[in-house]
Amino acid sequence: MKLRRCQAAWALLVLLPLPGAGVGATLYRCVSATGEVAIQQRPCAAGWQQSWRREVAPEPDAAPVAPLHVPARDSAAGASLGAARAP
């Protein structure tokens, strides 16, 4: 049972559309007579039971974030500046 959940989770991750792809998708969860689980983007095959169907909308594109620039500290330069200020 635990293995089936893990397989289903990986299948879901693989089948989800990439962020920013701009296209929605329909996911189907199909269960076989032996209990195998498949999550896919097409309807269940003959002999498989559909347990749910989900409409998946793509994530909205995030606004770009400006990188934070922090100047590197140069200990040698800081020491010389400190020495220049001293009387």
PDB file of N, CA and C in Angstrom:
ATOM      1  N   MET A   1       0.830  -1.196   0.000  1.00  0.00           N
ATOM      2  CA  MET A   1       0.000   0.000   0.000  1.00  0.00           C
ATOM      3  C   MET A   1       0.867   1.249   0.000  1.00  0.00           C
ATOM      4  N   LYS A   2       1.928   1.232   0.830  1.00  0.00           N
ATOM      5  CA  LYS A   2       2.813   2.385   0.916  1.00  0.00           C
ATOM      6  C   LYS A   2       3.531   2.611  -0.418  1.00  0.00           C
ATOM      7  N   LEU A   3       3.918   1.515  -1.081  1.00  0.00           N
ATOM      8  CA  LEU A   3       4.595   1.612  -2.369  1.00  0.00           C
ATOM      9  C   LEU A   3       3.668   2.211  -3.417  1.00  0.00           C
ATOM     10  N   ARG A   4       2.404   1.822  -3.386  1.00  0.00           N
ATOM     11  CA  ARG A   4       1.443   2.363  -4.354  1.00  0.00           C
ATOM     12  C   ARG A   4       1.265   3.863  -4.162  1.00  0.00           C
ATOM     13  N   ARG A   5       1.222   4.308  -2.918  1.00  0.00           N
ATOM     14  CA  ARG A   5       1.087   5.751  -2.656  1.00  0.00           C
ATOM     15  C   ARG A   5       2.301   6.503  -3.171  1.00  0.00           C
ATOM     16  N   CYS A   6       3.466   5.924  -2.953  1.00  0.00           N
ATOM     17  CA  CYS A   6       4.699   6.564  -3.417  1.00  0.00           C
ATOM     18  C   CYS A   6       4.708   6.641  -4.942  1.00  0.00           C
ATOM     19  N   GLN A   7       4.309   5.553  -5.606  1.00  0.00           N
ATOM     20  CA  GLN A   7       4.253   5.543  -7.062  1.00  0.00           C
ATOM     21  C   GLN A   7       3.239   6.562  -7.559  1.00  0.00           C
ATOM     22  N   ALA A   8       2.116   6.646  -6.895  1.00  0.00           N
ATOM     23  CA  ALA A   8       1.089   7.604  -7.297  1.00  0.00           C
ATOM     24  C   ALA A   8       1.586   9.038  -7.115  1.00  0.00           C
ATOM     25  N   ALA A   9       2.303   9.296  -6.036  1.00  0.00           N
ATOM     26  CA  ALA A   9       2.837  10.641  -5.794  1.00  0.00           C
ATOM     27  C   ALA A   9       3.846  11.017  -6.871  1.00  0.00           C
ATOM     28  N   TRP A  10       4.735  10.086  -7.222  1.00  0.00           N
ATOM     29  CA  TRP A  10       5.712  10.368  -8.281  1.00  0.00           C
ATOM     30  C   TRP A  10       5.015  10.581  -9.619  1.00  0.00           C
ATOM     31  N   ALA A  11       4.007   9.784  -9.897  1.00  0.00           N
ATOM     32  CA  ALA A  11       3.276   9.946 -11.145  1.00  0.00           C
ATOM     33  C   ALA A  11       2.609  11.313 -11.195  1.00  0.00           C
ATOM     34  N   LEU A  12       2.056  11.749 -10.090  1.00  0.00           N
ATOM     35  CA  LEU A  12       1.415  13.053 -10.033  1.00  0.00           C
ATOM     36  C   LEU A  12       2.421  14.165 -10.289  1.00  0.00           C
ATOM     37  N   LEU A  13       3.595  14.064  -9.685  1.00  0.00           N
ATOM     38  CA  LEU A  13       4.625  15.079  -9.891  1.00  0.00           C
ATOM     39  C   LEU A  13       5.090  15.127 -11.339  1.00  0.00           C
ATOM     40  N   VAL A  14       5.221  13.968 -11.945  1.00  0.00           N
ATOM     41  CA  VAL A  14       5.691  13.907 -13.328  1.00  0.00           C
ATOM     42  C   VAL A  14       4.640  14.439 -14.286  1.00  0.00           C
ATOM     43  N   LEU A  15       3.378  14.189 -13.998  1.00  0.00           N
ATOM     44  CA  LEU A  15       2.317  14.554 -14.913  1.00  0.00           C
ATOM     45  C   LEU A  15       1.819  15.989 -14.766  1.00  0.00           C
ATOM     46  N   LEU A  16       2.145  16.635 -13.662  1.00  0.00           N
ATOM     47  CA  LEU A  16       1.690  18.013 -13.486  1.00  0.00           C
ATOM     48  C   LEU A  16       2.359  18.913 -14.510  1.00  0.00           C
ATOM     49  N   PRO A  17       1.627  19.855 -15.065  1.00  0.00           N
ATOM     50  CA  PRO A  17       2.242  20.767 -16.027  1.00  0.00           C
ATOM     51  C   PRO A  17       3.286  21.650 -15.359  1.00  0.00           C
ATOM     52  N   LEU A  18       4.250  22.054 -16.133  1.00  0.00           N
ATOM     53  CA  LEU A  18       5.299  22.918 -15.612  1.00  0.00           C
ATOM     54  C   LEU A  18       4.738  24.303 -15.326  1.00  0.00           C
ATOM     55  N   PRO A  19       5.225  24.986 -14.274  1.00  0.00           N
ATOM     56  CA  PRO A  19       4.742  26.336 -14.002  1.00  0.00           C
ATOM     57  C   PRO A  19       5.039  27.244 -15.189  1.00  0.00           C
ATOM     58  N   GLY A  20       4.081  28.084 -15.519  1.00  0.00           N
ATOM     59  CA  GLY A  20       4.276  29.009 -16.618  1.00  0.00           C
ATOM     60  C   GLY A  20       3.997  28.398 -17.975  1.00  0.00           C
ATOM     61  N   ALA A  21       3.591  27.125 -18.024  1.00  0.00           N
ATOM     62  CA  ALA A  21       3.315  26.492 -19.305  1.00  0.00           C
ATOM     63  C   ALA A  21       2.082  27.117 -19.956  1.00  0.00           C
ATOM     64  N   GLY A  22       1.172  27.681 -19.145  1.00  0.00           N
ATOM     65  CA  GLY A  22       0.037  28.402 -19.676  1.00  0.00           C
ATOM     66  C   GLY A  22      -1.116  27.522 -20.125  1.00  0.00           C
ATOM     67  N   VAL A  23      -1.046  26.236 -19.929  1.00  0.00           N
ATOM     68  CA  VAL A  23      -2.108  25.341 -20.366  1.00  0.00           C
ATOM     69  C   VAL A  23      -2.572  24.511 -19.179  1.00  0.00           C
ATOM     70  N   GLY A  24      -3.870  24.465 -18.966  1.00  0.00           N
ATOM     71  CA  GLY A  24      -4.411  23.639 -17.901  1.00  0.00           C
ATOM     72  C   GLY A  24      -4.440  22.179 -18.344  1.00  0.00           C
ATOM     73  N   ALA A  25      -4.714  21.297 -17.426  1.00  0.00           N
ATOM     74  CA  ALA A  25      -4.750  19.873 -17.744  1.00  0.00           C
ATOM     75  C   ALA A  25      -5.823  19.203 -16.910  1.00  0.00           C
ATOM     76  N   THR A  26      -6.234  18.034 -17.338  1.00  0.00           N
ATOM     77  CA  THR A  26      -7.143  17.199 -16.578  1.00  0.00           C
ATOM     78  C   THR A  26      -6.382  15.965 -16.152  1.00  0.00           C
ATOM     79  N   LEU A  27      -6.428  15.649 -14.861  1.00  0.00           N
ATOM     80  CA  LEU A  27      -5.771  14.455 -14.351  1.00  0.00           C
ATOM     81  C   LEU A  27      -6.830  13.437 -13.958  1.00  0.00           C
ATOM     82  N   TYR A  28      -6.562  12.186 -14.262  1.00  0.00           N
ATOM     83  CA  TYR A  28      -7.451  11.082 -13.933  1.00  0.00           C
ATOM     84  C   TYR A  28      -6.711  10.123 -13.013  1.00  0.00           C
ATOM     85  N   ARG A  29      -7.374   9.687 -11.954  1.00  0.00           N
ATOM     86  CA  ARG A  29      -6.815   8.650 -11.074  1.00  0.00           C
ATOM     87  C   ARG A  29      -7.557   7.368 -11.404  1.00  0.00           C
ATOM     88  N   CYS A  30      -6.801   6.374 -11.870  1.00  0.00           N
ATOM     89  CA  CYS A  30      -7.379   5.114 -12.306  1.00  0.00           C
ATOM     90  C   CYS A  30      -6.874   3.983 -11.421  1.00  0.00           C
ATOM     91  N   VAL A  31      -7.761   3.052 -11.091  1.00  0.00           N
ATOM     92  CA  VAL A  31      -7.418   1.916 -10.249  1.00  0.00           C
ATOM     93  C   VAL A  31      -7.758   0.639 -11.009  1.00  0.00           C
ATOM     94  N   SER A  32      -6.793  -0.298 -11.057  1.00  0.00           N
ATOM     95  CA  SER A  32      -7.025  -1.567 -11.744  1.00  0.00           C
ATOM     96  C   SER A  32      -7.745  -2.537 -10.806  1.00  0.00           C
ATOM     97  N   ALA A  33      -8.143  -3.667 -11.353  1.00  0.00           N
ATOM     98  CA  ALA A  33      -8.812  -4.694 -10.560  1.00  0.00           C
ATOM     99  C   ALA A  33      -7.874  -5.266  -9.498  1.00  0.00           C
ATOM    100  N   THR A  34      -6.558  -5.193  -9.733  1.00  0.00           N
ATOM    101  CA  THR A  34      -5.584  -5.709  -8.757  1.00  0.00           C
ATOM    102  C   THR A  34      -5.148  -4.648  -7.760  1.00  0.00           C
ATOM    103  N   GLY A  35      -5.683  -3.420  -7.877  1.00  0.00           N
ATOM    104  CA  GLY A  35      -5.354  -2.360  -6.922  1.00  0.00           C
ATOM    105  C   GLY A  35      -4.253  -1.425  -7.369  1.00  0.00           C
ATOM    106  N   GLU A  36      -3.713  -1.612  -8.574  1.00  0.00           N
ATOM    107  CA  GLU A  36      -2.693  -0.683  -9.067  1.00  0.00           C
ATOM    108  C   GLU A  36      -3.334   0.678  -9.291  1.00  0.00           C
ATOM    109  N   VAL A  37      -2.563   1.729  -9.048  1.00  0.00           N
ATOM    110  CA  VAL A  37      -3.053   3.099  -9.197  1.00  0.00           C
ATOM    111  C   VAL A  37      -2.237   3.801 -10.264  1.00  0.00           C
ATOM    112  N   ALA A  38      -2.926   4.513 -11.143  1.00  0.00           N
ATOM    113  CA  ALA A  38      -2.260   5.320 -12.160  1.00  0.00           C
ATOM    114  C   ALA A  38      -2.908   6.694 -12.163  1.00  0.00           C
ATOM    115  N   ILE A  39      -2.083   7.722 -12.201  1.00  0.00           N
ATOM    116  CA  ILE A  39      -2.567   9.095 -12.336  1.00  0.00           C
ATOM    117  C   ILE A  39      -2.039   9.574 -13.671  1.00  0.00           C
ATOM    118  N   GLN A  40      -2.969   9.951 -14.551  1.00  0.00           N
ATOM    119  CA  GLN A  40      -2.577  10.259 -15.927  1.00  0.00           C
ATOM    120  C   GLN A  40      -3.428  11.369 -16.496  1.00  0.00           C
ATOM    121  N   GLN A  41      -3.041  11.837 -17.684  1.00  0.00           N
ATOM    122  CA  GLN A  41      -3.735  12.949 -18.316  1.00  0.00           C
ATOM    123  C   GLN A  41      -4.750  12.502 -19.354  1.00  0.00           C
ATOM    124  N   ARG A  42      -5.038  11.238 -19.442  1.00  0.00           N
ATOM    125  CA  ARG A  42      -6.073  10.737 -20.355  1.00  0.00           C
ATOM    126  C   ARG A  42      -7.012   9.825 -19.575  1.00  0.00           C
ATOM    127  N   PRO A  43      -8.229   9.633 -20.063  1.00  0.00           N
ATOM    128  CA  PRO A  43      -9.183   8.789 -19.339  1.00  0.00           C
ATOM    129  C   PRO A  43      -8.649   7.375 -19.122  1.00  0.00           C
ATOM    130  N   CYS A  44      -9.229   6.703 -18.139  1.00  0.00           N
ATOM    131  CA  CYS A  44      -8.799   5.352 -17.774  1.00  0.00           C
ATOM    132  C   CYS A  44      -9.042   4.372 -18.917  1.00  0.00           C
ATOM    133  N   ALA A  45      -8.129   3.420 -19.029  1.00  0.00           N
ATOM    134  CA  ALA A  45      -8.241   2.380 -20.053  1.00  0.00           C
ATOM    135  C   ALA A  45      -9.324   1.376 -19.657  1.00  0.00           C
ATOM    136  N   ALA A  46      -9.704   0.538 -20.606  1.00  0.00           N
ATOM    137  CA  ALA A  46     -10.692  -0.506 -20.330  1.00  0.00           C
ATOM    138  C   ALA A  46     -10.177  -1.418 -19.226  1.00  0.00           C
ATOM    139  N   GLY A  47     -11.039  -1.746 -18.282  1.00  0.00           N
ATOM    140  CA  GLY A  47     -10.649  -2.597 -17.172  1.00  0.00           C
ATOM    141  C   GLY A  47     -10.154  -1.832 -15.957  1.00  0.00           C
ATOM    142  N   TRP A  48     -10.001  -0.533 -16.086  1.00  0.00           N
ATOM    143  CA  TRP A  48      -9.561   0.317 -14.971  1.00  0.00           C
ATOM    144  C   TRP A  48     -10.744   1.160 -14.523  1.00  0.00           C
ATOM    145  N   GLN A  49     -10.831   1.419 -13.227  1.00  0.00           N
ATOM    146  CA  GLN A  49     -11.922   2.205 -12.640  1.00  0.00           C
ATOM    147  C   GLN A  49     -11.419   3.613 -12.350  1.00  0.00           C
ATOM    148  N   GLN A  50     -12.133   4.620 -12.807  1.00  0.00           N
ATOM    149  CA  GLN A  50     -11.759   6.006 -12.513  1.00  0.00           C
ATOM    150  C   GLN A  50     -12.240   6.343 -11.112  1.00  0.00           C
ATOM    151  N   SER A  51     -11.302   6.754 -10.221  1.00  0.00           N
ATOM    152  CA  SER A  51     -11.699   7.102  -8.859  1.00  0.00           C
ATOM    153  C   SER A  51     -11.882   8.606  -8.683  1.00  0.00           C
ATOM    154  N   TRP A  52     -11.180   9.410  -9.477  1.00  0.00           N
ATOM    155  CA  TRP A  52     -11.429  10.850  -9.488  1.00  0.00           C
ATOM    156  C   TRP A  52     -10.864  11.482 -10.740  1.00  0.00           C
ATOM    157  N   ARG A  53     -11.320  12.709 -10.988  1.00  0.00           N
ATOM    158  CA  ARG A  53     -10.853  13.502 -12.129  1.00  0.00           C
ATOM    159  C   ARG A  53     -10.660  14.920 -11.622  1.00  0.00           C
ATOM    160  N   ARG A  54      -9.516  15.517 -11.895  1.00  0.00           N
ATOM    161  CA  ARG A  54      -9.211  16.865 -11.402  1.00  0.00           C
ATOM    162  C   ARG A  54      -8.801  17.767 -12.564  1.00  0.00           C
ATOM    163  N   GLU A  55      -9.306  18.984 -12.532  1.00  0.00           N
ATOM    164  CA  GLU A  55      -8.855  20.012 -13.464  1.00  0.00           C
ATOM    165  C   GLU A  55      -7.693  20.731 -12.793  1.00  0.00           C
ATOM    166  N   VAL A  56      -6.579  20.804 -13.469  1.00  0.00           N
ATOM    167  CA  VAL A  56      -5.384  21.417 -12.899  1.00  0.00           C
ATOM    168  C   VAL A  56      -5.076  22.676 -13.693  1.00  0.00           C
ATOM    169  N   ALA A  57      -5.103  23.796 -13.004  1.00  0.00           N
ATOM    170  CA  ALA A  57      -4.776  25.080 -13.641  1.00  0.00           C
ATOM    171  C   ALA A  57      -3.298  25.369 -13.429  1.00  0.00           C
ATOM    172  N   PRO A  58      -2.654  25.968 -14.406  1.00  0.00           N
ATOM    173  CA  PRO A  58      -1.244  26.302 -14.221  1.00  0.00           C
ATOM    174  C   PRO A  58      -1.072  27.384 -13.167  1.00  0.00           C
ATOM    175  N   GLU A  59       0.064  27.365 -12.515  1.00  0.00           N
ATOM    176  CA  GLU A  59       0.381  28.398 -11.529  1.00  0.00           C
ATOM    177  C   GLU A  59       0.578  29.727 -12.254  1.00  0.00           C
ATOM    178  N   PRO A  60       0.083  30.832 -11.691  1.00  0.00           N
ATOM    179  CA  PRO A  60       0.338  32.128 -12.326  1.00  0.00           C
ATOM    180  C   PRO A  60       1.827  32.450 -12.246  1.00  0.00           C
ATOM    181  N   ASP A  61       2.307  33.129 -13.274  1.00  0.00           N
ATOM    182  CA  ASP A  61       3.717  33.522 -13.261  1.00  0.00           C
ATOM    183  C   ASP A  61       3.952  34.523 -12.146  1.00  0.00           C
ATOM    184  N   ALA A  62       4.985  34.292 -11.396  1.00  0.00           N
ATOM    185  CA  ALA A  62       5.328  35.192 -10.295  1.00  0.00           C
ATOM    186  C   ALA A  62       6.020  36.437 -10.844  1.00  0.00           C
ATOM    187  N   ALA A  63       5.825  37.552 -10.172  1.00  0.00           N
ATOM    188  CA  ALA A  63       6.506  38.784 -10.565  1.00  0.00           C
ATOM    189  C   ALA A  63       7.995  38.619 -10.310  1.00  0.00           C
ATOM    190  N   PRO A  64       8.822  39.115 -11.211  1.00  0.00           N
ATOM    191  CA  PRO A  64      10.260  38.981 -10.994  1.00  0.00           C
ATOM    192  C   PRO A  64      10.700  39.727  -9.742  1.00  0.00           C
ATOM    193  N   VAL A  65      11.628  39.174  -9.045  1.00  0.00           N
ATOM    194  CA  VAL A  65      12.147  39.767  -7.820  1.00  0.00           C
ATOM    195  C   VAL A  65      13.560  40.243  -8.094  1.00  0.00           C
ATOM    196  N   ALA A  66      13.814  41.502  -7.760  1.00  0.00           N
ATOM    197  CA  ALA A  66      15.158  42.046  -7.976  1.00  0.00           C
ATOM    198  C   ALA A  66      16.133  41.362  -7.027  1.00  0.00           C
ATOM    199  N   PRO A  67      17.297  40.967  -7.534  1.00  0.00           N
ATOM    200  CA  PRO A  67      18.272  40.319  -6.649  1.00  0.00           C
ATOM    201  C   PRO A  67      18.802  41.301  -5.614  1.00  0.00           C
ATOM    202  N   LEU A  68      19.062  40.799  -4.454  1.00  0.00           N
ATOM    203  CA  LEU A  68      19.615  41.613  -3.380  1.00  0.00           C
ATOM    204  C   LEU A  68      21.121  41.645  -3.549  1.00  0.00           C
ATOM    205  N   HIS A  69      21.671  42.838  -3.662  1.00  0.00           N
ATOM    206  CA  HIS A  69      23.116  42.970  -3.838  1.00  0.00           C
ATOM    207  C   HIS A  69      23.725  43.482  -2.539  1.00  0.00           C
ATOM    208  N   VAL A  70      24.579  42.686  -1.988  1.00  0.00           N
ATOM    209  CA  VAL A  70      25.293  43.073  -0.776  1.00  0.00           C
ATOM    210  C   VAL A  70      26.765  43.102  -1.133  1.00  0.00           C
ATOM    211  N   PRO A  71      27.396  44.271  -1.023  1.00  0.00           N
ATOM    212  CA  PRO A  71      28.807  44.336  -1.372  1.00  0.00           C
ATOM    213  C   PRO A  71      29.644  43.444  -0.450  1.00  0.00           C
ATOM    214  N   ALA A  72      30.627  42.823  -1.039  1.00  0.00           N
ATOM    215  CA  ALA A  72      31.497  41.953  -0.259  1.00  0.00           C
ATOM    216  C   ALA A  72      32.345  42.793   0.687  1.00  0.00           C
ATOM    217  N   ARG A  73      32.575  42.269   1.869  1.00  0.00           N
ATOM    218  CA  ARG A  73      33.428  42.975   2.831  1.00  0.00           C
ATOM    219  C   ARG A  73      34.862  42.573   2.571  1.00  0.00           C
ATOM    220  N   ASP A  74      35.687  43.541   2.417  1.00  0.00           N
ATOM    221  CA  ASP A  74      37.109  43.284   2.203  1.00  0.00           C
ATOM    222  C   ASP A  74      37.824  43.717   3.477  1.00  0.00           C
ATOM    223  N   SER A  75      38.312  42.770   4.233  1.00  0.00           N
ATOM    224  CA  SER A  75      38.915  43.090   5.523  1.00  0.00           C
ATOM    225  C   SER A  75      40.173  43.945   5.353  1.00  0.00           C
ATOM    226  N   ALA A  76      40.913  43.764   4.289  1.00  0.00           N
ATOM    227  CA  ALA A  76      42.120  44.573   4.075  1.00  0.00           C
ATOM    228  C   ALA A  76      41.745  46.018   3.776  1.00  0.00           C
ATOM    229  N   ALA A  77      40.700  46.216   2.964  1.00  0.00           N
ATOM    230  CA  ALA A  77      40.265  47.581   2.640  1.00  0.00           C
ATOM    231  C   ALA A  77      39.691  48.258   3.872  1.00  0.00           C
ATOM    232  N   GLY A  78      38.954  47.521   4.683  1.00  0.00           N
ATOM    233  CA  GLY A  78      38.377  48.086   5.899  1.00  0.00           C
ATOM    234  C   GLY A  78      39.455  48.503   6.882  1.00  0.00           C
ATOM    235  N   ALA A  79      40.513  47.731   6.954  1.00  0.00           N
ATOM    236  CA  ALA A  79      41.602  48.075   7.866  1.00  0.00           C
ATOM    237  C   ALA A  79      42.320  49.315   7.397  1.00  0.00           C
ATOM    238  N   SER A  80      42.516  49.450   6.096  1.00  0.00           N
ATOM    239  CA  SER A  80      43.234  50.642   5.601  1.00  0.00           C
ATOM    240  C   SER A  80      42.383  51.890   5.749  1.00  0.00           C
ATOM    241  N   LEU A  81      41.045  51.764   5.571  1.00  0.00           N
ATOM    242  CA  LEU A  81      40.177  52.910   5.771  1.00  0.00           C
ATOM    243  C   LEU A  81      40.183  53.340   7.232  1.00  0.00           C
ATOM    244  N   GLY A  82      40.159  52.376   8.117  1.00  0.00           N
ATOM    245  CA  GLY A  82      40.181  52.691   9.542  1.00  0.00           C
ATOM    246  C   GLY A  82      41.483  53.381   9.920  1.00  0.00           C
ATOM    247  N   ALA A  83      42.575  52.956   9.338  1.00  0.00           N
ATOM    248  CA  ALA A  83      43.866  53.554   9.635  1.00  0.00           C
ATOM    249  C   ALA A  83      43.945  54.971   9.076  1.00  0.00           C
ATOM    250  N   ALA A  84      43.301  55.219   7.942  1.00  0.00           N
ATOM    251  CA  ALA A  84      43.361  56.546   7.341  1.00  0.00           C
ATOM    252  C   ALA A  84      42.565  57.549   8.162  1.00  0.00           C
ATOM    253  N   ARG A  85      41.532  57.118   8.859  1.00  0.00           N
ATOM    254  CA  ARG A  85      40.713  58.034   9.660  1.00  0.00           C
ATOM    255  C   ARG A  85      41.345  58.346  10.989  1.00  0.00           C
ATOM    256  N   ALA A  86      42.184  57.503  11.456  1.00  0.00           N
ATOM    257  CA  ALA A  86      42.760  57.731  12.778  1.00  0.00           C
ATOM    258  C   ALA A  86      43.687  58.938  12.729  1.00  0.00           C
ATOM    259  N   PRO A  87      43.702  59.760  13.802  1.00  0.00           N
ATOM    260  CA  PRO A  87      44.587  60.947  13.812  1.00  0.00           C
ATOM    261  C   PRO A  87      46.029  60.600  13.984  1.00  0.00           C
TER     262      PRO A  87
END
